Amino acid sequence: LINMAWAFAKRAMHHPELFDSLGARATMLAPDFNPQSCSNAVWAFAVLSLPHAPLLTATAARACSLGQELGAQDLANLAWSFAKLGRRSSALEETVAAEVAKKAHNFS
């Protein structure tokens, strides 16, 4: 599901109805997302400027629960996507900041 959203976004295929359906289903699956699914999901919606609020909320919650499992690319994608969509999540911002601070010495 997330790969489908990523592929459409990568090709700049702007289909709001499709993304409404993908967002609704992804919101239901978000509690089981791995770090890459979290970051790719919000990235796909951000690239197309489609702020699916329930998905963003669910993905932020899941990303916060994953915390230390988030890698550099996940952290960057999450931060960029929320900023691009003009959305805020204090908990996600705190998680991203804490994880970057802990892992910065490993980043290139």
PDB file of N, CA and C in Angstrom:
ATOM      1  N   LEU A   1       0.821  -1.196   0.000  1.00  0.00           N
ATOM      2  CA  LEU A   1       0.000   0.000   0.000  1.00  0.00           C
ATOM      3  C   LEU A   1       0.867   1.265   0.000  1.00  0.00           C
ATOM      4  N   ILE A   2       1.818   1.304   0.909  1.00  0.00           N
ATOM      5  CA  ILE A   2       2.682   2.481   0.999  1.00  0.00           C
ATOM      6  C   ILE A   2       3.575   2.576  -0.239  1.00  0.00           C
ATOM      7  N   ASN A   3       3.996   1.438  -0.765  1.00  0.00           N
ATOM      8  CA  ASN A   3       4.791   1.460  -1.997  1.00  0.00           C
ATOM      9  C   ASN A   3       3.989   2.028  -3.159  1.00  0.00           C
ATOM     10  N   MET A   4       2.700   1.755  -3.190  1.00  0.00           N
ATOM     11  CA  MET A   4       1.833   2.307  -4.242  1.00  0.00           C
ATOM     12  C   MET A   4       1.777   3.835  -4.111  1.00  0.00           C
ATOM     13  N   ALA A   5       1.567   4.329  -2.903  1.00  0.00           N
ATOM     14  CA  ALA A   5       1.533   5.780  -2.685  1.00  0.00           C
ATOM     15  C   ALA A   5       2.875   6.400  -3.059  1.00  0.00           C
ATOM     16  N   TRP A   6       3.966   5.748  -2.650  1.00  0.00           N
ATOM     17  CA  TRP A   6       5.303   6.254  -2.963  1.00  0.00           C
ATOM     18  C   TRP A   6       5.503   6.331  -4.471  1.00  0.00           C
ATOM     19  N   ALA A   7       5.098   5.276  -5.191  1.00  0.00           N
ATOM     20  CA  ALA A   7       5.289   5.239  -6.642  1.00  0.00           C
ATOM     21  C   ALA A   7       4.502   6.343  -7.342  1.00  0.00           C
ATOM     22  N   PHE A   8       3.257   6.553  -6.941  1.00  0.00           N
ATOM     23  CA  PHE A   8       2.460   7.620  -7.548  1.00  0.00           C
ATOM     24  C   PHE A   8       3.089   8.982  -7.262  1.00  0.00           C
ATOM     25  N   ALA A   9       3.560   9.173  -6.044  1.00  0.00           N
ATOM     26  CA  ALA A   9       4.184  10.452  -5.695  1.00  0.00           C
ATOM     27  C   ALA A   9       5.487  10.647  -6.459  1.00  0.00           C
ATOM     28  N   LYS A  10       6.271   9.596  -6.574  1.00  0.00           N
ATOM     29  CA  LYS A  10       7.550   9.679  -7.283  1.00  0.00           C
ATOM     30  C   LYS A  10       7.346  10.097  -8.739  1.00  0.00           C
ATOM     31  N   ARG A  11       6.264   9.661  -9.330  1.00  0.00           N
ATOM     32  CA  ARG A  11       5.939  10.014 -10.714  1.00  0.00           C
ATOM     33  C   ARG A  11       5.095  11.282 -10.812  1.00  0.00           C
ATOM     34  N   ALA A  12       4.869  11.947  -9.681  1.00  0.00           N
ATOM     35  CA  ALA A  12       4.072  13.181  -9.624  1.00  0.00           C
ATOM     36  C   ALA A  12       2.669  12.974 -10.194  1.00  0.00           C
ATOM     37  N   MET A  13       2.093  11.822  -9.882  1.00  0.00           N
ATOM     38  CA  MET A  13       0.751  11.490 -10.358  1.00  0.00           C
ATOM     39  C   MET A  13      -0.255  11.920  -9.289  1.00  0.00           C
ATOM     40  N   HIS A  14      -0.788  13.095  -9.459  1.00  0.00           N
ATOM     41  CA  HIS A  14      -1.670  13.734  -8.481  1.00  0.00           C
ATOM     42  C   HIS A  14      -3.108  13.254  -8.690  1.00  0.00           C
ATOM     43  N   HIS A  15      -3.534  12.325  -7.844  1.00  0.00           N
ATOM     44  CA  HIS A  15      -4.890  11.768  -7.909  1.00  0.00           C
ATOM     45  C   HIS A  15      -5.503  11.831  -6.506  1.00  0.00           C
ATOM     46  N   PRO A  16      -6.141  12.943  -6.164  1.00  0.00           N
ATOM     47  CA  PRO A  16      -6.686  13.103  -4.815  1.00  0.00           C
ATOM     48  C   PRO A  16      -7.635  11.986  -4.374  1.00  0.00           C
ATOM     49  N   GLU A  17      -8.489  11.500  -5.265  1.00  0.00           N
ATOM     50  CA  GLU A  17      -9.409  10.419  -4.875  1.00  0.00           C
ATOM     51  C   GLU A  17      -8.652   9.155  -4.502  1.00  0.00           C
ATOM     52  N   LEU A  18      -7.655   8.812  -5.297  1.00  0.00           N
ATOM     53  CA  LEU A  18      -6.827   7.645  -4.985  1.00  0.00           C
ATOM     54  C   LEU A  18      -6.148   7.828  -3.640  1.00  0.00           C
ATOM     55  N   PHE A  19      -5.577   9.018  -3.414  1.00  0.00           N
ATOM     56  CA  PHE A  19      -4.857   9.253  -2.169  1.00  0.00           C
ATOM     57  C   PHE A  19      -5.793   9.334  -0.967  1.00  0.00           C
ATOM     58  N   ASP A  20      -7.047   9.731  -1.172  1.00  0.00           N
ATOM     59  CA  ASP A  20      -8.018   9.651  -0.078  1.00  0.00           C
ATOM     60  C   ASP A  20      -8.210   8.197   0.335  1.00  0.00           C
ATOM     61  N   SER A  21      -8.345   7.315  -0.658  1.00  0.00           N
ATOM     62  CA  SER A  21      -8.512   5.884  -0.365  1.00  0.00           C
ATOM     63  C   SER A  21      -7.262   5.299   0.272  1.00  0.00           C
ATOM     64  N   LEU A  22      -6.102   5.608  -0.301  1.00  0.00           N
ATOM     65  CA  LEU A  22      -4.846   5.114   0.267  1.00  0.00           C
ATOM     66  C   LEU A  22      -4.638   5.640   1.684  1.00  0.00           C
ATOM     67  N   GLY A  23      -4.970   6.913   1.891  1.00  0.00           N
ATOM     68  CA  GLY A  23      -4.803   7.512   3.215  1.00  0.00           C
ATOM     69  C   GLY A  23      -5.703   6.875   4.253  1.00  0.00           C
ATOM     70  N   ALA A  24      -6.939   6.588   3.862  1.00  0.00           N
ATOM     71  CA  ALA A  24      -7.870   5.955   4.800  1.00  0.00           C
ATOM     72  C   ALA A  24      -7.375   4.572   5.203  1.00  0.00           C
ATOM     73  N   ARG A  25      -6.937   3.805   4.234  1.00  0.00           N
ATOM     74  CA  ARG A  25      -6.437   2.452   4.540  1.00  0.00           C
ATOM     75  C   ARG A  25      -5.123   2.517   5.313  1.00  0.00           C
ATOM     76  N   ALA A  26      -4.239   3.402   4.921  1.00  0.00           N
ATOM     77  CA  ALA A  26      -2.957   3.540   5.618  1.00  0.00           C
ATOM     78  C   ALA A  26      -3.159   3.984   7.061  1.00  0.00           C
ATOM     79  N   THR A  27      -4.156   4.817   7.303  1.00  0.00           N
ATOM     80  CA  THR A  27      -4.450   5.246   8.676  1.00  0.00           C
ATOM     81  C   THR A  27      -4.787   4.034   9.544  1.00  0.00           C
ATOM     82  N   MET A  28      -5.543   3.113   8.979  1.00  0.00           N
ATOM     83  CA  MET A  28      -5.898   1.900   9.732  1.00  0.00           C
ATOM     84  C   MET A  28      -4.682   1.008   9.983  1.00  0.00           C
ATOM     85  N   LEU A  29      -3.747   0.995   9.050  1.00  0.00           N
ATOM     86  CA  LEU A  29      -2.563   0.144   9.169  1.00  0.00           C
ATOM     87  C   LEU A  29      -1.420   0.792   9.945  1.00  0.00           C
ATOM     88  N   ALA A  30      -1.487   2.095  10.141  1.00  0.00           N
ATOM     89  CA  ALA A  30      -0.373   2.847  10.749  1.00  0.00           C
ATOM     90  C   ALA A  30       0.125   2.279  12.080  1.00  0.00           C
ATOM     91  N   PRO A  31      -0.733   1.768  12.951  1.00  0.00           N
ATOM     92  CA  PRO A  31      -0.200   1.230  14.211  1.00  0.00           C
ATOM     93  C   PRO A  31       0.799   0.089  14.034  1.00  0.00           C
ATOM     94  N   ASP A  32       0.826  -0.518  12.850  1.00  0.00           N
ATOM     95  CA  ASP A  32       1.755  -1.614  12.579  1.00  0.00           C
ATOM     96  C   ASP A  32       2.888  -1.220  11.635  1.00  0.00           C
ATOM     97  N   PHE A  33       2.979   0.057  11.270  1.00  0.00           N
ATOM     98  CA  PHE A  33       4.029   0.510  10.349  1.00  0.00           C
ATOM     99  C   PHE A  33       5.411   0.279  10.943  1.00  0.00           C
ATOM    100  N   ASN A  34       6.358  -0.035  10.062  1.00  0.00           N
ATOM    101  CA  ASN A  34       7.762  -0.019  10.456  1.00  0.00           C
ATOM    102  C   ASN A  34       8.285   1.396  10.178  1.00  0.00           C
ATOM    103  N   PRO A  35       9.522   1.708  10.551  1.00  0.00           N
ATOM    104  CA  PRO A  35      10.017   3.070  10.340  1.00  0.00           C
ATOM    105  C   PRO A  35       9.937   3.551   8.892  1.00  0.00           C
ATOM    106  N   GLN A  36      10.296   2.692   7.939  1.00  0.00           N
ATOM    107  CA  GLN A  36      10.265   3.103   6.543  1.00  0.00           C
ATOM    108  C   GLN A  36       8.846   3.373   6.065  1.00  0.00           C
ATOM    109  N   SER A  37       7.894   2.587   6.505  1.00  0.00           N
ATOM    110  CA  SER A  37       6.499   2.824   6.124  1.00  0.00           C
ATOM    111  C   SER A  37       6.007   4.158   6.663  1.00  0.00           C
ATOM    112  N   CYS A  38       6.394   4.479   7.882  1.00  0.00           N
ATOM    113  CA  CYS A  38       6.011   5.780   8.457  1.00  0.00           C
ATOM    114  C   CYS A  38       6.527   6.920   7.588  1.00  0.00           C
ATOM    115  N   SER A  39       7.808   6.875   7.302  1.00  0.00           N
ATOM    116  CA  SER A  39       8.395   7.992   6.570  1.00  0.00           C
ATOM    117  C   SER A  39       7.947   8.034   5.112  1.00  0.00           C
ATOM    118  N   ASN A  40       7.815   6.887   4.473  1.00  0.00           N
ATOM    119  CA  ASN A  40       7.379   6.875   3.076  1.00  0.00           C
ATOM    120  C   ASN A  40       5.927   7.297   2.919  1.00  0.00           C
ATOM    121  N   ALA A  41       5.096   6.938   3.877  1.00  0.00           N
ATOM    122  CA  ALA A  41       3.684   7.314   3.797  1.00  0.00           C
ATOM    123  C   ALA A  41       3.525   8.831   3.816  1.00  0.00           C
ATOM    124  N   VAL A  42       4.099   9.478   4.801  1.00  0.00           N
ATOM    125  CA  VAL A  42       3.929  10.925   4.883  1.00  0.00           C
ATOM    126  C   VAL A  42       4.676  11.644   3.765  1.00  0.00           C
ATOM    127  N   TRP A  43       5.801  11.081   3.336  1.00  0.00           N
ATOM    128  CA  TRP A  43       6.557  11.673   2.231  1.00  0.00           C
ATOM    129  C   TRP A  43       5.703  11.702   0.964  1.00  0.00           C
ATOM    130  N   ALA A  44       5.038  10.589   0.654  1.00  0.00           N
ATOM    131  CA  ALA A  44       4.226  10.512  -0.564  1.00  0.00           C
ATOM    132  C   ALA A  44       3.129  11.568  -0.570  1.00  0.00           C
ATOM    133  N   PHE A  45       2.467  11.739   0.542  1.00  0.00           N
ATOM    134  CA  PHE A  45       1.399  12.735   0.622  1.00  0.00           C
ATOM    135  C   PHE A  45       1.966  14.153   0.568  1.00  0.00           C
ATOM    136  N   ALA A  46       3.121  14.355   1.184  1.00  0.00           N
ATOM    137  CA  ALA A  46       3.729  15.690   1.185  1.00  0.00           C
ATOM    138  C   ALA A  46       4.209  16.094  -0.206  1.00  0.00           C
ATOM    139  N   VAL A  47       4.793  15.168  -0.935  1.00  0.00           N
ATOM    140  CA  VAL A  47       5.289  15.476  -2.277  1.00  0.00           C
ATOM    141  C   VAL A  47       4.160  16.012  -3.153  1.00  0.00           C
ATOM    142  N   LEU A  48       2.967  15.458  -2.972  1.00  0.00           N
ATOM    143  CA  LEU A  48       1.814  15.877  -3.777  1.00  0.00           C
ATOM    144  C   LEU A  48       0.971  16.949  -3.082  1.00  0.00           C
ATOM    145  N   SER A  49       1.457  17.449  -1.945  1.00  0.00           N
ATOM    146  CA  SER A  49       0.745  18.479  -1.171  1.00  0.00           C
ATOM    147  C   SER A  49      -0.682  18.056  -0.838  1.00  0.00           C
ATOM    148  N   LEU A  50      -0.805  16.825  -0.346  1.00  0.00           N
ATOM    149  CA  LEU A  50      -2.106  16.277   0.042  1.00  0.00           C
ATOM    150  C   LEU A  50      -2.091  15.966   1.538  1.00  0.00           C
ATOM    151  N   PRO A  51      -2.500  16.920   2.366  1.00  0.00           N
ATOM    152  CA  PRO A  51      -2.451  16.714   3.817  1.00  0.00           C
ATOM    153  C   PRO A  51      -3.619  15.856   4.313  1.00  0.00           C
ATOM    154  N   HIS A  52      -3.402  14.584   4.444  1.00  0.00           N
ATOM    155  CA  HIS A  52      -4.421  13.664   4.953  1.00  0.00           C
ATOM    156  C   HIS A  52      -4.284  13.633   6.477  1.00  0.00           C
ATOM    157  N   ALA A  53      -5.072  14.460   7.156  1.00  0.00           N
ATOM    158  CA  ALA A  53      -4.908  14.673   8.602  1.00  0.00           C
ATOM    159  C   ALA A  53      -4.945  13.388   9.429  1.00  0.00           C
ATOM    160  N   PRO A  54      -5.904  12.485   9.197  1.00  0.00           N
ATOM    161  CA  PRO A  54      -5.900  11.261  10.013  1.00  0.00           C
ATOM    162  C   PRO A  54      -4.630  10.432   9.836  1.00  0.00           C
ATOM    163  N   LEU A  55      -4.127  10.367   8.607  1.00  0.00           N
ATOM    164  CA  LEU A  55      -2.893   9.613   8.375  1.00  0.00           C
ATOM    165  C   LEU A  55      -1.714  10.282   9.066  1.00  0.00           C
ATOM    166  N   LEU A  56      -1.641  11.599   8.980  1.00  0.00           N
ATOM    167  CA  LEU A  56      -0.536  12.306   9.631  1.00  0.00           C
ATOM    168  C   LEU A  56      -0.560  12.088  11.138  1.00  0.00           C
ATOM    169  N   THR A  57      -1.732  12.143  11.722  1.00  0.00           N
ATOM    170  CA  THR A  57      -1.863  11.924  13.170  1.00  0.00           C
ATOM    171  C   THR A  57      -1.450  10.510  13.548  1.00  0.00           C
ATOM    172  N   ALA A  58      -1.953   9.527  12.796  1.00  0.00           N
ATOM    173  CA  ALA A  58      -1.641   8.133  13.101  1.00  0.00           C
ATOM    174  C   ALA A  58      -0.164   7.824  12.872  1.00  0.00           C
ATOM    175  N   THR A  59       0.395   8.376  11.818  1.00  0.00           N
ATOM    176  CA  THR A  59       1.798   8.131  11.509  1.00  0.00           C
ATOM    177  C   THR A  59       2.710   8.804  12.530  1.00  0.00           C
ATOM    178  N   ALA A  60       2.362   9.996  12.952  1.00  0.00           N
ATOM    179  CA  ALA A  60       3.158  10.673  13.986  1.00  0.00           C
ATOM    180  C   ALA A  60       3.161   9.851  15.271  1.00  0.00           C
ATOM    181  N   ALA A  61       1.999   9.339  15.658  1.00  0.00           N
ATOM    182  CA  ALA A  61       1.916   8.520  16.874  1.00  0.00           C
ATOM    183  C   ALA A  61       2.773   7.266  16.747  1.00  0.00           C
ATOM    184  N   ARG A  62       2.698   6.622  15.585  1.00  0.00           N
ATOM    185  CA  ARG A  62       3.491   5.401  15.388  1.00  0.00           C
ATOM    186  C   ARG A  62       4.979   5.724  15.371  1.00  0.00           C
ATOM    187  N   ALA A  63       5.371   6.779  14.702  1.00  0.00           N
ATOM    188  CA  ALA A  63       6.784   7.152  14.651  1.00  0.00           C
ATOM    189  C   ALA A  63       7.311   7.435  16.058  1.00  0.00           C
ATOM    190  N   CYS A  64       6.506   8.095  16.867  1.00  0.00           N
ATOM    191  CA  CYS A  64       6.923   8.369  18.245  1.00  0.00           C
ATOM    192  C   CYS A  64       7.127   7.077  19.026  1.00  0.00           C
ATOM    193  N   SER A  65       6.272   6.093  18.773  1.00  0.00           N
ATOM    194  CA  SER A  65       6.418   4.831  19.500  1.00  0.00           C
ATOM    195  C   SER A  65       7.628   4.035  19.008  1.00  0.00           C
ATOM    196  N   LEU A  66       8.049   4.268  17.780  1.00  0.00           N
ATOM    197  CA  LEU A  66       9.223   3.576  17.240  1.00  0.00           C
ATOM    198  C   LEU A  66      10.523   4.212  17.720  1.00  0.00           C
ATOM    199  N   GLY A  67      10.482   5.522  17.981  1.00  0.00           N
ATOM    200  CA  GLY A  67      11.627   6.256  18.531  1.00  0.00           C
ATOM    201  C   GLY A  67      12.984   5.823  18.027  1.00  0.00           C
ATOM    202  N   GLN A  68      13.710   5.060  18.832  1.00  0.00           N
ATOM    203  CA  GLN A  68      15.101   4.728  18.520  1.00  0.00           C
ATOM    204  C   GLN A  68      15.256   3.850  17.287  1.00  0.00           C
ATOM    205  N   GLU A  69      14.182   3.262  16.786  1.00  0.00           N
ATOM    206  CA  GLU A  69      14.267   2.459  15.557  1.00  0.00           C
ATOM    207  C   GLU A  69      14.324   3.330  14.299  1.00  0.00           C
ATOM    208  N   LEU A  70      13.982   4.604  14.424  1.00  0.00           N
ATOM    209  CA  LEU A  70      13.984   5.505  13.271  1.00  0.00           C
ATOM    210  C   LEU A  70      15.411   5.825  12.847  1.00  0.00           C
ATOM    211  N   GLY A  71      15.683   5.614  11.553  1.00  0.00           N
ATOM    212  CA  GLY A  71      17.000   5.922  11.010  1.00  0.00           C
ATOM    213  C   GLY A  71      17.059   7.347  10.492  1.00  0.00           C
ATOM    214  N   ALA A  72      18.209   7.727  10.008  1.00  0.00           N
ATOM    215  CA  ALA A  72      18.424   9.088   9.517  1.00  0.00           C
ATOM    216  C   ALA A  72      17.439   9.464   8.415  1.00  0.00           C
ATOM    217  N   GLN A  73      17.245   8.581   7.439  1.00  0.00           N
ATOM    218  CA  GLN A  73      16.323   8.874   6.338  1.00  0.00           C
ATOM    219  C   GLN A  73      14.888   9.003   6.838  1.00  0.00           C
ATOM    220  N   ASP A  74      14.502   8.139   7.772  1.00  0.00           N
ATOM    221  CA  ASP A  74      13.154   8.209   8.344  1.00  0.00           C
ATOM    222  C   ASP A  74      12.945   9.544   9.043  1.00  0.00           C
ATOM    223  N   LEU A  75      13.908   9.932   9.852  1.00  0.00           N
ATOM    224  CA  LEU A  75      13.809  11.186  10.605  1.00  0.00           C
ATOM    225  C   LEU A  75      13.722  12.384   9.658  1.00  0.00           C
ATOM    226  N   ALA A  76      14.563  12.384   8.637  1.00  0.00           N
ATOM    227  CA  ALA A  76      14.554  13.485   7.668  1.00  0.00           C
ATOM    228  C   ALA A  76      13.226  13.542   6.915  1.00  0.00           C
ATOM    229  N   ASN A  77      12.747  12.396   6.451  1.00  0.00           N
ATOM    230  CA  ASN A  77      11.481  12.360   5.717  1.00  0.00           C
ATOM    231  C   ASN A  77      10.309  12.815   6.576  1.00  0.00           C
ATOM    232  N   LEU A  78      10.272  12.358   7.803  1.00  0.00           N
ATOM    233  CA  LEU A  78       9.181  12.760   8.700  1.00  0.00           C
ATOM    234  C   LEU A  78       9.201  14.266   8.936  1.00  0.00           C
ATOM    235  N   ALA A  79      10.365  14.808   9.281  1.00  0.00           N
ATOM    236  CA  ALA A  79      10.465  16.244   9.551  1.00  0.00           C
ATOM    237  C   ALA A  79      10.109  17.062   8.309  1.00  0.00           C
ATOM    238  N   TRP A  80      10.681  16.680   7.159  1.00  0.00           N
ATOM    239  CA  TRP A  80      10.429  17.413   5.917  1.00  0.00           C
ATOM    240  C   TRP A  80       8.954  17.355   5.542  1.00  0.00           C
ATOM    241  N   SER A  81       8.358  16.184   5.633  1.00  0.00           N
ATOM    242  CA  SER A  81       6.966  16.003   5.202  1.00  0.00           C
ATOM    243  C   SER A  81       5.996  16.842   6.023  1.00  0.00           C
ATOM    244  N   PHE A  82       6.161  16.826   7.330  1.00  0.00           N
ATOM    245  CA  PHE A  82       5.267  17.623   8.171  1.00  0.00           C
ATOM    246  C   PHE A  82       5.478  19.115   7.895  1.00  0.00           C
ATOM    247  N   ALA A  83       6.723  19.520   7.716  1.00  0.00           N
ATOM    248  CA  ALA A  83       6.995  20.930   7.408  1.00  0.00           C
ATOM    249  C   ALA A  83       6.397  21.316   6.061  1.00  0.00           C
ATOM    250  N   LYS A  84       6.573  20.464   5.057  1.00  0.00           N
ATOM    251  CA  LYS A  84       6.047  20.743   3.711  1.00  0.00           C
ATOM    252  C   LYS A  84       4.533  20.908   3.733  1.00  0.00           C
ATOM    253  N   LEU A  85       3.868  20.105   4.561  1.00  0.00           N
ATOM    254  CA  LEU A  85       2.406  20.163   4.646  1.00  0.00           C
ATOM    255  C   LEU A  85       1.911  21.222   5.632  1.00  0.00           C
ATOM    256  N   GLY A  86       2.839  21.901   6.303  1.00  0.00           N
ATOM    257  CA  GLY A  86       2.456  22.935   7.258  1.00  0.00           C
ATOM    258  C   GLY A  86       1.748  22.381   8.479  1.00  0.00           C
ATOM    259  N   ARG A  87       2.100  21.143   8.844  1.00  0.00           N
ATOM    260  CA  ARG A  87       1.468  20.483   9.990  1.00  0.00           C
ATOM    261  C   ARG A  87       2.454  20.375  11.132  1.00  0.00           C
ATOM    262  N   ARG A  88       1.932  20.415  12.354  1.00  0.00           N
ATOM    263  CA  ARG A  88       2.779  20.309  13.544  1.00  0.00           C
ATOM    264  C   ARG A  88       2.324  19.136  14.391  1.00  0.00           C
ATOM    265  N   SER A  89       3.271  18.479  14.976  1.00  0.00           N
ATOM    266  CA  SER A  89       3.037  17.456  15.984  1.00  0.00           C
ATOM    267  C   SER A  89       4.144  17.626  17.005  1.00  0.00           C
ATOM    268  N   SER A  90       3.798  18.184  18.143  1.00  0.00           N
ATOM    269  CA  SER A  90       4.809  18.430  19.175  1.00  0.00           C
ATOM    270  C   SER A  90       5.522  17.152  19.578  1.00  0.00           C
ATOM    271  N   ALA A  91       4.749  16.083  19.722  1.00  0.00           N
ATOM    272  CA  ALA A  91       5.355  14.806  20.122  1.00  0.00           C
ATOM    273  C   ALA A  91       6.328  14.315  19.059  1.00  0.00           C
ATOM    274  N   LEU A  92       5.945  14.419  17.794  1.00  0.00           N
ATOM    275  CA  LEU A  92       6.843  13.981  16.723  1.00  0.00           C
ATOM    276  C   LEU A  92       8.082  14.875  16.665  1.00  0.00           C
ATOM    277  N   GLU A  93       7.897  16.168  16.799  1.00  0.00           N
ATOM    278  CA  GLU A  93       9.040  17.083  16.777  1.00  0.00           C
ATOM    279  C   GLU A  93      10.020  16.750  17.897  1.00  0.00           C
ATOM    280  N   GLU A  94       9.492  16.445  19.072  1.00  0.00           N
ATOM    281  CA  GLU A  94      10.349  16.080  20.200  1.00  0.00           C
ATOM    282  C   GLU A  94      11.075  14.769  19.932  1.00  0.00           C
ATOM    283  N   THR A  95      10.360  13.802  19.373  1.00  0.00           N
ATOM    284  CA  THR A  95      10.977  12.515  19.056  1.00  0.00           C
ATOM    285  C   THR A  95      12.073  12.681  18.026  1.00  0.00           C
ATOM    286  N   VAL A  96      11.786  13.400  16.950  1.00  0.00           N
ATOM    287  CA  VAL A  96      12.784  13.608  15.891  1.00  0.00           C
ATOM    288  C   VAL A  96      13.999  14.338  16.457  1.00  0.00           C
ATOM    289  N   ALA A  97      13.785  15.393  17.208  1.00  0.00           N
ATOM    290  CA  ALA A  97      14.907  16.147  17.783  1.00  0.00           C
ATOM    291  C   ALA A  97      15.747  15.280  18.706  1.00  0.00           C
ATOM    292  N   ALA A  98      15.105  14.501  19.555  1.00  0.00           N
ATOM    293  CA  ALA A  98      15.834  13.643  20.498  1.00  0.00           C
ATOM    294  C   ALA A  98      16.645  12.580  19.759  1.00  0.00           C
ATOM    295  N   GLU A  99      16.035  11.975  18.742  1.00  0.00           N
ATOM    296  CA  GLU A  99      16.736  10.923  17.998  1.00  0.00           C
ATOM    297  C   GLU A  99      17.882  11.487  17.169  1.00  0.00           C
ATOM    298  N   VAL A 100      17.688  12.652  16.572  1.00  0.00           N
ATOM    299  CA  VAL A 100      18.786  13.277  15.825  1.00  0.00           C
ATOM    300  C   VAL A 100      19.930  13.621  16.766  1.00  0.00           C
ATOM    301  N   ALA A 101      19.606  14.170  17.926  1.00  0.00           N
ATOM    302  CA  ALA A 101      20.650  14.527  18.883  1.00  0.00           C
ATOM    303  C   ALA A 101      21.451  13.293  19.312  1.00  0.00           C
ATOM    304  N   LYS A 102      20.769  12.154  19.511  1.00  0.00           N
ATOM    305  CA  LYS A 102      21.449  10.933  19.922  1.00  0.00           C
ATOM    306  C   LYS A 102      22.289  10.325  18.794  1.00  0.00           C
ATOM    307  N   LYS A 103      21.830  10.499  17.564  1.00  0.00           N
ATOM    308  CA  LYS A 103      22.434   9.782  16.441  1.00  0.00           C
ATOM    309  C   LYS A 103      23.275  10.657  15.517  1.00  0.00           C
ATOM    310  N   ALA A 104      23.358  11.942  15.785  1.00  0.00           N
ATOM    311  CA  ALA A 104      24.037  12.854  14.864  1.00  0.00           C
ATOM    312  C   ALA A 104      25.470  12.448  14.573  1.00  0.00           C
ATOM    313  N   HIS A 105      26.142  11.878  15.527  1.00  0.00           N
ATOM    314  CA  HIS A 105      27.535  11.483  15.314  1.00  0.00           C
ATOM    315  C   HIS A 105      27.669  10.357  14.281  1.00  0.00           C
ATOM    316  N   ASN A 106      26.568   9.679  13.961  1.00  0.00           N
ATOM    317  CA  ASN A 106      26.584   8.603  12.966  1.00  0.00           C
ATOM    318  C   ASN A 106      26.181   9.072  11.571  1.00  0.00           C
ATOM    319  N   PHE A 107      25.700  10.292  11.457  1.00  0.00           N
ATOM    320  CA  PHE A 107      25.207  10.794  10.176  1.00  0.00           C
ATOM    321  C   PHE A 107      26.359  11.286   9.310  1.00  0.00           C
ATOM    322  N   SER A 108      26.183  11.151   8.001  1.00  0.00           N
ATOM    323  CA  SER A 108      27.219  11.664   7.093  1.00  0.00           C
ATOM    324  C   SER A 108      26.740  12.934   6.437  1.00  0.00           C
TER     325      SER A 108
END
